[in-house]
């Protein structure tokens, strides 16, 4: 699985305290029911990042199947509870 990083998406996720390698690890380790597809055609995954911190990563697949991350952020408290109930 290849990822495409540029100044825009690297800077955007950095605003939420996320590094590219951490976002990549969440996407690579996605477990069912992820990735989920939105109406806009983006893909969403949730899972543990660095140190077990729970993250949400939103991305699109380029025509060559390269992953282009468009958003990443830590889960809020409600999202964490829901995730933990589902995966523990």
Protein backbone atom coordinates (compact mmCIF):
# COMPACT_ATOMS: atom_id res chain seq x y z
CA UNK A 1 0.00 0.00 0.00
CA UNK A 2 1.53 3.29 -1.14
CA UNK A 3 0.74 6.71 0.32
CA UNK A 4 1.05 10.12 -1.33
CA UNK A 5 2.13 12.97 0.92
CA UNK A 6 2.54 16.59 0.00
CA UNK A 7 2.77 19.88 1.87
CA UNK A 8 -1.00 20.31 2.07
CA UNK A 9 -1.98 16.97 3.62
CA UNK A 10 1.11 16.76 5.83
CA UNK A 11 0.44 20.22 7.24
CA UNK A 12 -3.29 19.56 7.59
CA UNK A 13 -2.89 16.46 9.77
CA UNK A 14 -0.08 18.13 11.73
CA UNK A 15 -2.65 20.73 12.85
CA UNK A 16 -4.31 17.85 14.73
CA UNK A 17 -1.03 16.50 16.12
CA UNK A 18 -0.84 13.56 13.71
CA UNK A 19 2.28 12.49 11.82
CA UNK A 20 2.16 10.77 8.43
CA UNK A 21 3.54 7.46 9.71
CA UNK A 22 0.91 7.35 12.43
CA UNK A 23 -1.91 7.96 9.94
CA UNK A 24 -0.44 5.30 7.65
CA UNK A 25 -0.37 2.74 10.47
CA UNK A 26 -4.08 3.31 11.22
CA UNK A 27 -4.99 2.78 7.55
CA UNK A 28 -2.75 -0.29 7.20
CA UNK A 29 -4.16 -1.97 10.33
CA UNK A 30 -7.83 -1.18 9.65
CA UNK A 31 -10.14 -3.93 10.87
CA UNK A 32 -13.74 -4.61 9.84
CA UNK A 33 -16.00 -2.69 9.42
CA UNK A 34 -13.33 -0.29 8.14
CA UNK A 35 -12.79 1.28 5.77
CA UNK A 36 -16.24 2.82 5.60
CA UNK A 37 -17.28 4.74 2.49
CA UNK A 38 -18.96 8.13 2.72
CA UNK A 39 -21.45 9.64 0.30
CA UNK A 40 -18.67 11.84 -1.04
CA UNK A 41 -16.62 8.78 -1.94
CA UNK A 42 -14.00 9.20 0.79
CA UNK A 43 -12.91 6.29 2.95
CA UNK A 44 -12.82 6.47 6.75
CA UNK A 45 -10.94 4.30 9.21
CA UNK A 46 -10.69 4.44 12.98
CA UNK A 47 -8.11 2.69 15.07
CA UNK A 48 -5.11 2.93 17.35
CA UNK A 49 -2.16 5.09 16.43
CA UNK A 50 0.98 5.89 18.39
CA UNK A 51 0.83 4.68 21.99
CA UNK A 52 -2.70 3.35 21.49
CA UNK A 53 -4.18 6.79 20.86
CA UNK A 54 -7.41 6.34 18.87
CA UNK A 55 -7.54 8.20 15.57
CA UNK A 56 -9.81 8.76 12.63
CA UNK A 57 -8.22 8.95 9.20
CA UNK A 58 -10.12 10.00 6.06
CA UNK A 59 -8.61 9.33 2.67
CA UNK A 60 -9.25 8.81 -1.01
CA UNK A 61 -7.71 6.32 -3.38
CA UNK A 62 -5.97 7.82 -6.39
CA UNK A 63 -6.64 6.07 -9.74
CA UNK A 64 -3.43 4.07 -9.25
CA UNK A 65 -4.70 2.90 -5.80
CA UNK A 66 -2.33 5.24 -3.92
CA UNK A 67 -3.75 6.39 -0.58
CA UNK A 68 -4.10 10.17 -0.25
CA UNK A 69 -4.93 11.17 3.32
CA UNK A 70 -7.18 14.23 3.45
CA UNK A 71 -7.89 14.37 7.18
CA UNK A 72 -6.73 12.78 10.44
CA UNK A 73 -7.58 13.58 14.03
CA UNK A 74 -7.85 12.00 17.48
CA UNK A 75 -11.27 10.57 18.35
CA UNK A 76 -13.39 12.54 20.80
CA UNK A 77 -14.56 10.89 24.05
CA UNK A 78 -17.88 9.65 22.65
CA UNK A 79 -16.17 8.18 19.59
CA UNK A 80 -13.59 6.45 21.82
CA UNK A 81 -16.34 4.84 23.93
CA UNK A 82 -18.16 3.61 20.83
CA UNK A 83 -14.94 2.26 19.31
CA UNK A 84 -13.92 0.45 22.50
CA UNK A 85 -17.37 -1.14 22.91
CA UNK A 86 -17.21 -2.41 19.36
CA UNK A 87 -13.65 -3.75 19.40
CA UNK A 88 -13.18 -5.12 22.91
